[in-house]
Amino acid sequence: MAQDDFWKRKRLSQMTAQEWEALCDGCAKCCLVKLEDEDDGRVHYTNVACALLDAGICRCSDYENRQKRVSDCVILTPENIHRVKEWMPSTCAYRLLAEGRPLPQWHHLVCGDRDAVHHTGISVQGRCVSETGIAIDDLPDYIVGWP
């Protein structure tokens, strides 16, 4: 258990930049290409990852410059999380806290193990392909139900 359970006592808008960044569990599901159904608005996840994602470690290979290199990369903030949370996975710490729900037991801030997200099968590690070389029209073929 973390010494300072800041996520339990602070609202998202009260967190420091370091605390905000610490919320990320490293699942990399936010880096998957998502498709929105035009008819019902439902969001469908694919197993196609952003070209910048290092899928082996579930980290962006150019985190500091990600929005410059990928124009539609959404940088989560306390100000926009409520607008974009439906595009975030249901297990996302930012989404959970924005919805007033607790962090799961496997979250590194709770259990102290950064790799728990991978050991429990929550992350995309070993389950995605890079968007490089995949045609936009083929993306529906990559829709998955596991996120």
Foldseek 3Di string as FASTA:
>chain_A
DAPDPPLVVDAQQPDDPVVNVLQFLLQLQLQFDWDADPPPRQIFTFLAGEQQAPLQRSDGVCVVCVCVVPVPRDDDGSVCCVVCVSSPDPLRSSNCSVVVHDHDCQRCNNVVDSCSCVVVPNHSRPPHHYPVPPDPVCRVVGTDDPD
